[in-house]
Amino acid sequence: MRHRVKGRKLKRTSSHRLATLRSLAASLLKHKKIKTTVAKAKELKKFIEPLVTKAKNDTIHARRLVSAEINDRKIVSELFGDIVTKIGDRPGGYTRVVRLGQRKGDAAEMAIIELVDFSGIVKPKTPKKGKEETVVSKEESKTEEKTEEKPTKKAAAKPKKEKKEKTENAEVKVSKTKTDKKSKEK
C-alpha cells in the first residue's frame, strides 16, 4: 500500500528529479506554455505554484528563494515583473494542465501546462535575422552545388579499359568511357 506517500518519482533519482523540475519551471516561465507528459505536468504544478506565490512579495529574500530554484536571472526578473503584475489578485491556481492524448511513439499521456492569464498571449516564435540569412545562403549554395554536380557526375564516369596505342615515337594511354562512346555515336 502507498499510504501517505507524496509525489511522483518520474523514474529518476531525487537529484535528477529536482533538476528536471527546475528545468521545466524555467521553460514554463520563459515560454508561458510547454508540452510534456501528464505526470511531469502535475508535478511541475506543485513545484511552480509556491514559487509564484513567493514572487508576489517582491523582497530580496523572496528573490533569493526563487533564484535558488531557477538559475536564470532574466527569467526571475520576468517572473517578478511581468508575470506577477499579470497574475496580481489571483489567490492561487496559476497554472492549467490540458490533456492532449497519447504520444505516438510510446503511448505516454501528453499534456500542455500553461500559465492561466497568459493563455491567449503566447507569442509565435520568430526566427532571428542573422540565422535566417545564413540558412538562406546555405540553402542557395546547396542548390547551386547540386545543379553543378549533376553534369559533372555524368561526364566523370569510371574508365572501363585502357588500351595502348603506338604512335611514331611514344606510347599513349587511351581510356574508353561512356562519354567517348556518346561522342563517337554523334
N, C-alpha and C. Protein backbone atom coordinates (compact mmCIF):
# COMPACT_ATOMS: atom_id res chain seq x y z
N MET A 1 0.84 -1.19 0.00
CA MET A 1 0.00 0.00 0.00
C MET A 1 0.87 1.24 0.00
N ARG A 2 0.31 2.33 -0.52
CA ARG A 2 1.10 3.55 -0.59
C ARG A 2 0.46 4.66 0.24
N HIS A 3 0.15 4.37 1.47
CA HIS A 3 -0.43 5.38 2.34
C HIS A 3 0.58 6.46 2.64
N ARG A 4 0.15 7.70 2.55
CA ARG A 4 0.95 8.89 2.91
C ARG A 4 2.25 9.02 2.10
N VAL A 5 2.27 8.45 0.90
CA VAL A 5 3.44 8.61 0.03
C VAL A 5 3.12 9.75 -0.93
N LYS A 6 3.90 10.80 -0.87
CA LYS A 6 3.60 12.01 -1.60
C LYS A 6 4.47 12.14 -2.84
N GLY A 7 3.91 12.59 -3.92
CA GLY A 7 4.67 12.92 -5.13
C GLY A 7 4.91 11.72 -6.03
N ARG A 8 5.47 12.04 -7.21
CA ARG A 8 5.80 11.03 -8.21
C ARG A 8 7.31 10.98 -8.36
N LYS A 9 7.83 9.78 -8.56
CA LYS A 9 9.28 9.63 -8.71
C LYS A 9 9.74 9.92 -10.13
N LEU A 10 8.88 9.76 -11.11
CA LEU A 10 9.19 10.02 -12.52
C LEU A 10 10.37 9.18 -13.02
N LYS A 11 10.61 8.04 -12.39
CA LYS A 11 11.70 7.12 -12.76
C LYS A 11 13.06 7.81 -12.74
N ARG A 12 13.28 8.68 -11.73
CA ARG A 12 14.53 9.42 -11.60
C ARG A 12 15.00 9.40 -10.16
N THR A 13 16.28 9.64 -9.98
CA THR A 13 16.79 9.83 -8.63
C THR A 13 16.32 11.19 -8.13
N SER A 14 16.48 11.45 -6.85
CA SER A 14 15.96 12.70 -6.30
C SER A 14 16.65 13.92 -6.90
N SER A 15 17.96 13.84 -7.12
CA SER A 15 18.68 14.97 -7.71
C SER A 15 18.27 15.19 -9.17
N HIS A 16 18.09 14.10 -9.90
CA HIS A 16 17.67 14.20 -11.29
C HIS A 16 16.25 14.74 -11.38
N ARG A 17 15.39 14.31 -10.47
CA ARG A 17 14.01 14.76 -10.43
C ARG A 17 13.96 16.27 -10.16
N LEU A 18 14.76 16.74 -9.21
CA LEU A 18 14.80 18.16 -8.88
C LEU A 18 15.33 18.98 -10.07
N ALA A 19 16.35 18.47 -10.73
CA ALA A 19 16.89 19.16 -11.91
C ALA A 19 15.85 19.22 -13.02
N THR A 20 15.09 18.15 -13.21
CA THR A 20 14.04 18.12 -14.23
C THR A 20 12.97 19.15 -13.92
N LEU A 21 12.54 19.22 -12.68
CA LEU A 21 11.50 20.17 -12.30
C LEU A 21 11.98 21.61 -12.43
N ARG A 22 13.23 21.87 -12.08
CA ARG A 22 13.78 23.22 -12.23
C ARG A 22 13.83 23.62 -13.70
N SER A 23 14.25 22.69 -14.54
CA SER A 23 14.33 22.97 -15.97
C SER A 23 12.94 23.21 -16.56
N LEU A 24 11.98 22.38 -16.18
CA LEU A 24 10.61 22.55 -16.67
C LEU A 24 10.03 23.88 -16.18
N ALA A 25 10.31 24.25 -14.93
CA ALA A 25 9.80 25.51 -14.37
C ALA A 25 10.38 26.70 -15.13
N ALA A 26 11.68 26.66 -15.41
CA ALA A 26 12.30 27.74 -16.17
C ALA A 26 11.69 27.85 -17.57
N SER A 27 11.46 26.72 -18.21
CA SER A 27 10.86 26.72 -19.55
C SER A 27 9.44 27.26 -19.52
N LEU A 28 8.68 26.88 -18.50
CA LEU A 28 7.30 27.35 -18.39
C LEU A 28 7.26 28.86 -18.17
N LEU A 29 8.11 29.37 -17.30
CA LEU A 29 8.12 30.81 -17.05
C LEU A 29 8.63 31.59 -18.26
N LYS A 30 9.51 30.99 -19.03
CA LYS A 30 10.05 31.67 -20.20
C LYS A 30 9.05 31.69 -21.36
N HIS A 31 8.44 30.53 -21.64
CA HIS A 31 7.57 30.40 -22.81
C HIS A 31 6.08 30.52 -22.49
N LYS A 32 5.72 30.49 -21.20
CA LYS A 32 4.34 30.61 -20.71
C LYS A 32 3.48 29.39 -21.01
N LYS A 33 4.00 28.44 -21.79
CA LYS A 33 3.22 27.27 -22.17
C LYS A 33 4.19 26.20 -22.68
N ILE A 34 4.14 24.99 -22.12
CA ILE A 34 5.01 23.91 -22.60
C ILE A 34 4.22 22.62 -22.74
N LYS A 35 4.74 21.73 -23.53
CA LYS A 35 4.12 20.43 -23.77
C LYS A 35 4.98 19.36 -23.12
N THR A 36 4.38 18.52 -22.27
CA THR A 36 5.11 17.49 -21.56
C THR A 36 4.14 16.36 -21.21
N THR A 37 4.60 15.38 -20.45
CA THR A 37 3.71 14.30 -20.04
C THR A 37 2.82 14.76 -18.90
N VAL A 38 1.73 14.06 -18.67
CA VAL A 38 0.77 14.44 -17.63
C VAL A 38 1.41 14.36 -16.26
N ALA A 39 2.18 13.31 -15.99
CA ALA A 39 2.81 13.15 -14.68
C ALA A 39 3.77 14.30 -14.39
N LYS A 40 4.59 14.66 -15.39
CA LYS A 40 5.52 15.77 -15.19
C LYS A 40 4.77 17.09 -15.03
N ALA A 41 3.68 17.26 -15.76
CA ALA A 41 2.91 18.50 -15.66
C ALA A 41 2.30 18.65 -14.27
N LYS A 42 1.78 17.55 -13.72
CA LYS A 42 1.18 17.61 -12.39
C LYS A 42 2.23 17.90 -11.32
N GLU A 43 3.40 17.31 -11.45
CA GLU A 43 4.48 17.58 -10.50
C GLU A 43 5.00 19.01 -10.66
N LEU A 44 5.07 19.48 -11.89
CA LEU A 44 5.50 20.84 -12.14
C LEU A 44 4.54 21.85 -11.53
N LYS A 45 3.26 21.53 -11.57
CA LYS A 45 2.25 22.41 -10.98
C LYS A 45 2.50 22.57 -9.48
N LYS A 46 2.81 21.46 -8.81
CA LYS A 46 3.10 21.50 -7.37
C LYS A 46 4.39 22.27 -7.09
N PHE A 47 5.32 22.23 -8.04
CA PHE A 47 6.63 22.86 -7.85
C PHE A 47 6.57 24.37 -8.11
N ILE A 48 5.82 24.79 -9.13
CA ILE A 48 5.90 26.19 -9.56
C ILE A 48 4.92 27.11 -8.84
N GLU A 49 3.80 26.59 -8.39
CA GLU A 49 2.82 27.47 -7.75
C GLU A 49 3.35 28.12 -6.47
N PRO A 50 4.09 27.41 -5.60
CA PRO A 50 4.69 28.11 -4.45
C PRO A 50 5.72 29.17 -4.86
N LEU A 51 6.43 28.94 -5.97
CA LEU A 51 7.39 29.95 -6.43
C LEU A 51 6.68 31.23 -6.86
N VAL A 52 5.55 31.08 -7.55
CA VAL A 52 4.80 32.25 -7.99
C VAL A 52 4.22 32.98 -6.78
N THR A 53 3.76 32.22 -5.78
CA THR A 53 3.24 32.83 -4.56
C THR A 53 4.34 33.62 -3.84
N LYS A 54 5.55 33.07 -3.80
CA LYS A 54 6.67 33.79 -3.18
C LYS A 54 7.01 35.04 -3.97
N ALA A 55 6.87 34.98 -5.28
CA ALA A 55 7.21 36.12 -6.14
C ALA A 55 6.23 37.28 -5.97
N LYS A 56 5.05 37.02 -5.43
CA LYS A 56 4.09 38.11 -5.20
C LYS A 56 4.62 39.11 -4.18
N ASN A 57 5.42 38.64 -3.24
CA ASN A 57 6.03 39.51 -2.25
C ASN A 57 7.42 39.88 -2.77
N ASP A 58 7.54 41.05 -3.37
CA ASP A 58 8.79 41.44 -4.04
C ASP A 58 9.80 41.98 -3.04
N THR A 59 10.51 41.05 -2.39
CA THR A 59 11.57 41.42 -1.47
C THR A 59 12.85 40.71 -1.89
N ILE A 60 13.95 41.11 -1.31
CA ILE A 60 15.23 40.48 -1.63
C ILE A 60 15.21 39.02 -1.20
N HIS A 61 14.61 38.75 -0.04
CA HIS A 61 14.53 37.38 0.46
C HIS A 61 13.73 36.50 -0.51
N ALA A 62 12.59 37.01 -1.00
CA ALA A 62 11.77 36.25 -1.94
C ALA A 62 12.52 36.00 -3.24
N ARG A 63 13.25 37.01 -3.70
CA ARG A 63 14.03 36.85 -4.93
C ARG A 63 15.11 35.79 -4.76
N ARG A 64 15.74 35.76 -3.59
CA ARG A 64 16.77 34.76 -3.35
C ARG A 64 16.18 33.36 -3.26
N LEU A 65 15.01 33.22 -2.66
CA LEU A 65 14.37 31.91 -2.57
C LEU A 65 14.01 31.39 -3.97
N VAL A 66 13.48 32.27 -4.80
CA VAL A 66 13.11 31.87 -6.16
C VAL A 66 14.36 31.61 -6.99
N SER A 67 15.39 32.43 -6.81
CA SER A 67 16.64 32.25 -7.57
C SER A 67 17.34 30.95 -7.22
N ALA A 68 17.09 30.44 -6.02
CA ALA A 68 17.69 29.16 -5.64
C ALA A 68 17.11 28.02 -6.47
N GLU A 69 15.88 28.17 -6.95
CA GLU A 69 15.24 27.13 -7.75
C GLU A 69 15.39 27.38 -9.25
N ILE A 70 15.41 28.64 -9.66
CA ILE A 70 15.53 28.98 -11.08
C ILE A 70 16.82 29.75 -11.27
N ASN A 71 17.71 29.22 -12.08
CA ASN A 71 19.07 29.76 -12.18
C ASN A 71 19.26 30.82 -13.26
N ASP A 72 18.20 31.23 -13.93
CA ASP A 72 18.32 32.23 -14.99
C ASP A 72 17.81 33.57 -14.48
N ARG A 73 18.68 34.57 -14.45
CA ARG A 73 18.30 35.88 -13.90
C ARG A 73 17.21 36.56 -14.71
N LYS A 74 17.26 36.40 -16.03
CA LYS A 74 16.25 37.04 -16.88
C LYS A 74 14.86 36.48 -16.57
N ILE A 75 14.79 35.17 -16.38
CA ILE A 75 13.50 34.54 -16.10
C ILE A 75 12.99 34.97 -14.73
N VAL A 76 13.89 35.07 -13.74
CA VAL A 76 13.49 35.51 -12.40
C VAL A 76 12.98 36.95 -12.44
N SER A 77 13.67 37.82 -13.15
CA SER A 77 13.22 39.21 -13.24
C SER A 77 11.90 39.31 -13.99
N GLU A 78 11.71 38.45 -15.00
CA GLU A 78 10.44 38.43 -15.72
C GLU A 78 9.31 37.94 -14.81
N LEU A 79 9.60 36.95 -13.97
CA LEU A 79 8.61 36.45 -13.02
C LEU A 79 8.18 37.55 -12.05
N PHE A 80 9.15 38.26 -11.49
CA PHE A 80 8.83 39.31 -10.53
C PHE A 80 8.25 40.55 -11.21
N GLY A 81 8.48 40.72 -12.49
CA GLY A 81 7.97 41.89 -13.20
C GLY A 81 6.66 41.62 -13.91
N ASP A 82 6.74 41.00 -15.08
CA ASP A 82 5.57 40.82 -15.94
C ASP A 82 4.55 39.83 -15.39
N ILE A 83 5.03 38.67 -14.97
CA ILE A 83 4.11 37.59 -14.59
C ILE A 83 3.32 37.94 -13.34
N VAL A 84 4.00 38.47 -12.31
CA VAL A 84 3.31 38.79 -11.06
C VAL A 84 2.33 39.94 -11.25
N THR A 85 2.68 40.92 -12.08
CA THR A 85 1.73 42.02 -12.32
C THR A 85 0.49 41.52 -13.06
N LYS A 86 0.66 40.56 -13.92
CA LYS A 86 -0.47 40.00 -14.67
C LYS A 86 -1.35 39.14 -13.75
N ILE A 87 -0.72 38.33 -12.90
CA ILE A 87 -1.47 37.44 -12.00
C ILE A 87 -2.14 38.25 -10.90
N GLY A 88 -1.37 39.12 -10.25
CA GLY A 88 -1.89 40.08 -9.29
C GLY A 88 -2.77 39.54 -8.19
N ASP A 89 -4.09 39.64 -8.35
CA ASP A 89 -5.05 39.35 -7.29
C ASP A 89 -5.40 37.88 -7.17
N ARG A 90 -5.01 37.08 -8.09
CA ARG A 90 -5.38 35.66 -8.07
C ARG A 90 -4.81 34.99 -6.82
N PRO A 91 -5.68 34.30 -6.04
CA PRO A 91 -5.21 33.71 -4.78
C PRO A 91 -4.47 32.39 -4.95
N GLY A 92 -4.46 31.82 -6.11
CA GLY A 92 -3.78 30.55 -6.36
C GLY A 92 -4.24 30.00 -7.69
N GLY A 93 -3.80 28.83 -8.05
CA GLY A 93 -4.21 28.24 -9.32
C GLY A 93 -3.65 29.00 -10.50
N TYR A 94 -2.34 29.17 -10.52
CA TYR A 94 -1.68 29.98 -11.54
C TYR A 94 -1.44 29.20 -12.84
N THR A 95 -1.56 27.89 -12.77
CA THR A 95 -1.28 27.07 -13.96
C THR A 95 -2.49 26.22 -14.32
N ARG A 96 -2.51 25.79 -15.57
CA ARG A 96 -3.60 24.95 -16.07
C ARG A 96 -2.96 23.78 -16.83
N VAL A 97 -3.46 22.56 -16.58
CA VAL A 97 -2.98 21.37 -17.28
C VAL A 97 -4.09 20.91 -18.22
N VAL A 98 -3.79 20.85 -19.51
CA VAL A 98 -4.76 20.42 -20.51
C VAL A 98 -4.24 19.14 -21.14
N ARG A 99 -5.00 18.07 -21.04
CA ARG A 99 -4.58 16.79 -21.60
C ARG A 99 -4.73 16.78 -23.12
N LEU A 100 -3.77 16.15 -23.79
CA LEU A 100 -3.76 16.12 -25.25
C LEU A 100 -4.01 14.75 -25.85
N GLY A 101 -3.85 13.71 -25.08
CA GLY A 101 -3.96 12.35 -25.62
C GLY A 101 -2.62 11.66 -25.56
N GLN A 102 -2.53 10.54 -26.25
CA GLN A 102 -1.32 9.74 -26.14
C GLN A 102 -0.30 10.10 -27.22
N ARG A 103 0.98 10.02 -26.83
CA ARG A 103 2.08 10.24 -27.76
C ARG A 103 2.18 9.01 -28.65
N LYS A 104 2.51 9.22 -29.91
CA LYS A 104 2.52 8.13 -30.87
C LYS A 104 3.61 7.10 -30.60
N GLY A 105 4.80 7.55 -30.20
CA GLY A 105 5.94 6.64 -30.05
C GLY A 105 5.79 5.64 -28.92
N ASP A 106 5.48 6.12 -27.71
CA ASP A 106 5.43 5.21 -26.55
C ASP A 106 4.10 5.24 -25.82
N ALA A 107 3.10 5.89 -26.39
CA ALA A 107 1.75 5.96 -25.84
C ALA A 107 1.71 6.62 -24.47
N ALA A 108 2.65 7.53 -24.21
CA ALA A 108 2.64 8.29 -22.96
C ALA A 108 1.55 9.35 -23.04
N GLU A 109 0.85 9.56 -21.94
CA GLU A 109 -0.21 10.55 -21.89
C GLU A 109 0.42 11.95 -21.91
N MET A 110 0.08 12.77 -22.88
CA MET A 110 0.68 14.09 -23.05
C MET A 110 -0.26 15.18 -22.57
N ALA A 111 0.31 16.33 -22.20
CA ALA A 111 -0.47 17.46 -21.73
C ALA A 111 0.27 18.75 -22.02
N ILE A 112 -0.49 19.83 -22.04
CA ILE A 112 0.08 21.17 -22.11
C ILE A 112 -0.14 21.80 -20.75
N ILE A 113 0.91 22.38 -20.18
CA ILE A 113 0.78 23.14 -18.95
C ILE A 113 1.08 24.59 -19.30
N GLU A 114 0.20 25.50 -18.85
CA GLU A 114 0.35 26.89 -19.20
C GLU A 114 0.01 27.78 -18.02
N LEU A 115 0.53 28.98 -18.04
CA LEU A 115 0.15 29.97 -17.05
C LEU A 115 -1.23 30.50 -17.43
N VAL A 116 -2.15 30.55 -16.47
CA VAL A 116 -3.56 30.79 -16.76
C VAL A 116 -3.80 32.13 -17.46
N ASP A 117 -3.23 33.20 -16.96
CA ASP A 117 -3.51 34.52 -17.52
C ASP A 117 -2.77 34.79 -18.82
N PHE A 118 -1.89 33.90 -19.24
CA PHE A 118 -1.11 34.08 -20.45
C PHE A 118 -1.57 33.15 -21.57
N SER A 119 -2.75 32.54 -21.45
CA SER A 119 -3.15 31.52 -22.42
C SER A 119 -3.34 32.07 -23.83
N GLY A 120 -3.83 33.31 -24.00
CA GLY A 120 -4.04 33.85 -25.33
C GLY A 120 -2.91 34.73 -25.81
N ILE A 121 -1.91 34.97 -24.98
CA ILE A 121 -0.87 35.94 -25.30
C ILE A 121 0.43 35.27 -25.74
N VAL A 122 0.45 33.96 -25.87
CA VAL A 122 1.69 33.27 -26.21
C VAL A 122 2.16 33.75 -27.58
N LYS A 123 3.42 34.21 -27.65
CA LYS A 123 3.97 34.78 -28.87
C LYS A 123 4.41 33.66 -29.80
N PRO A 124 4.16 33.79 -31.10
CA PRO A 124 4.72 32.82 -32.04
C PRO A 124 6.22 33.01 -32.14
N LYS A 125 6.92 31.94 -32.38
CA LYS A 125 8.38 32.01 -32.47
C LYS A 125 8.77 32.70 -33.77
N THR A 126 9.64 33.69 -33.66
CA THR A 126 10.13 34.39 -34.84
C THR A 126 11.61 34.07 -35.00
N PRO A 127 12.04 33.72 -36.20
CA PRO A 127 13.45 33.40 -36.39
C PRO A 127 14.29 34.67 -36.30
N LYS A 128 15.52 34.50 -35.83
CA LYS A 128 16.43 35.63 -35.73
C LYS A 128 16.93 36.01 -37.12
N LYS A 129 17.19 37.30 -37.31
CA LYS A 129 17.59 37.79 -38.63
C LYS A 129 18.93 37.23 -39.06
N GLY A 130 19.88 37.17 -38.16
CA GLY A 130 21.22 36.68 -38.50
C GLY A 130 21.20 35.22 -38.93
N LYS A 131 20.45 34.41 -38.19
CA LYS A 131 20.39 32.99 -38.53
C LYS A 131 19.62 32.76 -39.82
N GLU A 132 18.58 33.55 -40.05
CA GLU A 132 17.77 33.38 -41.25
C GLU A 132 18.59 33.61 -42.50
N GLU A 133 19.43 34.64 -42.49
CA GLU A 133 20.26 34.93 -43.65
C GLU A 133 21.25 33.81 -43.93
N THR A 134 21.84 33.26 -42.88
CA THR A 134 22.81 32.18 -43.08
C THR A 134 22.12 30.93 -43.57
N VAL A 135 20.91 30.66 -43.09
CA VAL A 135 20.17 29.49 -43.54
C VAL A 135 19.84 29.62 -45.01
N VAL A 136 19.38 30.79 -45.42
CA VAL A 136 19.04 31.01 -46.82
C VAL A 136 20.27 30.86 -47.70
N SER A 137 21.38 31.44 -47.28
CA SER A 137 22.58 31.35 -48.10
C SER A 137 23.08 29.92 -48.19
N LYS A 138 22.96 29.15 -47.11
CA LYS A 138 23.37 27.75 -47.15
C LYS A 138 22.48 26.96 -48.10
N GLU A 139 21.15 27.22 -48.05
CA GLU A 139 20.24 26.50 -48.93
C GLU A 139 20.51 26.86 -50.38
N GLU A 140 20.76 28.14 -50.66
CA GLU A 140 21.07 28.55 -52.02
C GLU A 140 22.34 27.90 -52.52
N SER A 141 23.36 27.85 -51.67
CA SER A 141 24.61 27.25 -52.09
C SER A 141 24.46 25.75 -52.32
N LYS A 142 23.60 25.10 -51.53
CA LYS A 142 23.37 23.67 -51.74
C LYS A 142 22.68 23.43 -53.08
N THR A 143 21.69 24.27 -53.42
CA THR A 143 21.01 24.08 -54.69
C THR A 143 21.96 24.36 -55.85
N GLU A 144 22.84 25.36 -55.70
CA GLU A 144 23.82 25.64 -56.74
C GLU A 144 24.79 24.48 -56.90
N GLU A 145 25.22 23.89 -55.78
CA GLU A 145 26.15 22.76 -55.84
C GLU A 145 25.49 21.56 -56.51
N LYS A 146 24.21 21.33 -56.22
CA LYS A 146 23.51 20.19 -56.82
C LYS A 146 23.40 20.36 -58.33
N THR A 147 23.09 21.58 -58.76
CA THR A 147 22.98 21.79 -60.20
C THR A 147 24.33 21.64 -60.88
N GLU A 148 25.40 22.03 -60.19
CA GLU A 148 26.73 21.90 -60.77
C GLU A 148 27.21 20.45 -60.74
N GLU A 149 26.83 19.69 -59.72
CA GLU A 149 27.30 18.33 -59.57
C GLU A 149 26.69 17.38 -60.59
N LYS A 150 25.45 17.57 -60.96
CA LYS A 150 24.77 16.64 -61.85
C LYS A 150 25.47 16.48 -63.20
N PRO A 151 25.81 17.55 -63.91
CA PRO A 151 26.50 17.35 -65.19
C PRO A 151 27.89 16.77 -65.01
N THR A 152 28.58 17.13 -63.96
CA THR A 152 29.93 16.63 -63.77
C THR A 152 29.93 15.14 -63.45
N LYS A 153 28.92 14.67 -62.80
CA LYS A 153 28.85 13.24 -62.49
C LYS A 153 28.72 12.42 -63.77
N LYS A 154 27.94 12.91 -64.71
CA LYS A 154 27.76 12.18 -65.96
C LYS A 154 29.06 12.18 -66.77
N ALA A 155 29.75 13.29 -66.72
CA ALA A 155 30.98 13.41 -67.51
C ALA A 155 32.14 12.64 -66.88
N ALA A 156 32.13 12.51 -65.59
CA ALA A 156 33.25 11.87 -64.90
C ALA A 156 32.91 10.42 -64.57
N ALA A 157 32.69 9.62 -65.56
CA ALA A 157 32.41 8.20 -65.34
C ALA A 157 33.73 7.44 -65.24
N LYS A 158 33.68 6.27 -64.62
CA LYS A 158 34.89 5.47 -64.43
C LYS A 158 35.34 4.86 -65.76
N PRO A 159 36.63 4.85 -66.02
CA PRO A 159 37.12 4.24 -67.26
C PRO A 159 36.98 2.72 -67.20
N LYS A 160 36.61 2.13 -68.35
CA LYS A 160 36.42 0.68 -68.39
C LYS A 160 37.73 -0.03 -68.72
N LYS A 161 38.30 0.27 -69.84
CA LYS A 161 39.53 -0.39 -70.27
C LYS A 161 40.50 0.65 -70.80
N GLU A 162 41.74 0.33 -70.65
CA GLU A 162 42.76 1.22 -71.20
C GLU A 162 43.52 0.46 -72.28
N LYS A 163 43.67 1.08 -73.37
CA LYS A 163 44.44 0.48 -74.47
C LYS A 163 45.67 1.32 -74.73
N LYS A 164 46.69 0.62 -75.13
CA LYS A 164 47.91 1.33 -75.50
C LYS A 164 47.97 1.40 -77.02
N GLU A 165 48.07 2.59 -77.49
CA GLU A 165 48.21 2.77 -78.93
C GLU A 165 49.61 3.29 -79.22
N LYS A 166 50.19 2.74 -80.23
CA LYS A 166 51.54 3.16 -80.58
C LYS A 166 51.46 4.24 -81.64
N THR A 167 52.13 5.28 -81.37
CA THR A 167 52.29 6.31 -82.39
C THR A 167 53.74 6.24 -82.85
N GLU A 168 54.21 7.20 -83.53
CA GLU A 168 55.53 7.11 -84.13
C GLU A 168 56.65 6.93 -83.12
N ASN A 169 56.73 7.72 -82.09
CA ASN A 169 57.84 7.57 -81.15
C ASN A 169 57.39 7.42 -79.69
N ALA A 170 56.09 7.39 -79.39
CA ALA A 170 55.65 7.32 -78.00
C ALA A 170 54.39 6.48 -77.86
N GLU A 171 54.24 5.92 -76.67
CA GLU A 171 53.03 5.18 -76.37
C GLU A 171 52.05 6.12 -75.66
N VAL A 172 50.78 6.06 -76.02
CA VAL A 172 49.76 6.91 -75.43
C VAL A 172 48.66 6.02 -74.87
N LYS A 173 48.22 6.31 -73.61
CA LYS A 173 47.13 5.55 -73.00
C LYS A 173 45.81 6.22 -73.34
N VAL A 174 44.87 5.42 -73.80
CA VAL A 174 43.55 5.93 -74.15
C VAL A 174 42.54 5.17 -73.31
N SER A 175 41.62 5.88 -72.70
CA SER A 175 40.60 5.22 -71.90
C SER A 175 39.26 5.38 -72.60
N LYS A 176 38.49 4.30 -72.59
CA LYS A 176 37.17 4.34 -73.18
C LYS A 176 36.16 4.58 -72.06
N THR A 177 35.36 5.57 -72.22
CA THR A 177 34.32 5.88 -71.25
C THR A 177 32.99 6.01 -71.97
N LYS A 178 31.96 6.22 -71.18
CA LYS A 178 30.64 6.39 -71.77
C LYS A 178 30.59 7.66 -72.61
N THR A 179 31.26 8.69 -72.17
CA THR A 179 31.25 9.94 -72.91
C THR A 179 31.94 9.78 -74.26
N ASP A 180 33.01 8.95 -74.32
CA ASP A 180 33.69 8.71 -75.58
C ASP A 180 32.78 8.00 -76.55
N LYS A 181 32.01 7.03 -76.05
CA LYS A 181 31.09 6.29 -76.91
C LYS A 181 30.00 7.20 -77.45
N LYS A 182 29.48 8.08 -76.57
CA LYS A 182 28.42 9.00 -76.99
C LYS A 182 28.94 9.97 -78.05
N SER A 183 30.15 10.44 -77.85
CA SER A 183 30.71 11.41 -78.79
C SER A 183 30.96 10.73 -80.15
N LYS A 184 31.32 9.45 -80.14
CA LYS A 184 31.53 8.73 -81.42
C LYS A 184 30.22 8.50 -82.14
N GLU A 185 29.15 8.21 -81.34
CA GLU A 185 27.85 7.96 -81.95
C GLU A 185 27.28 9.24 -82.58
N LYS A 186 27.56 10.37 -81.99
CA LYS A 186 27.03 11.63 -82.51
C LYS A 186 27.81 12.00 -83.73
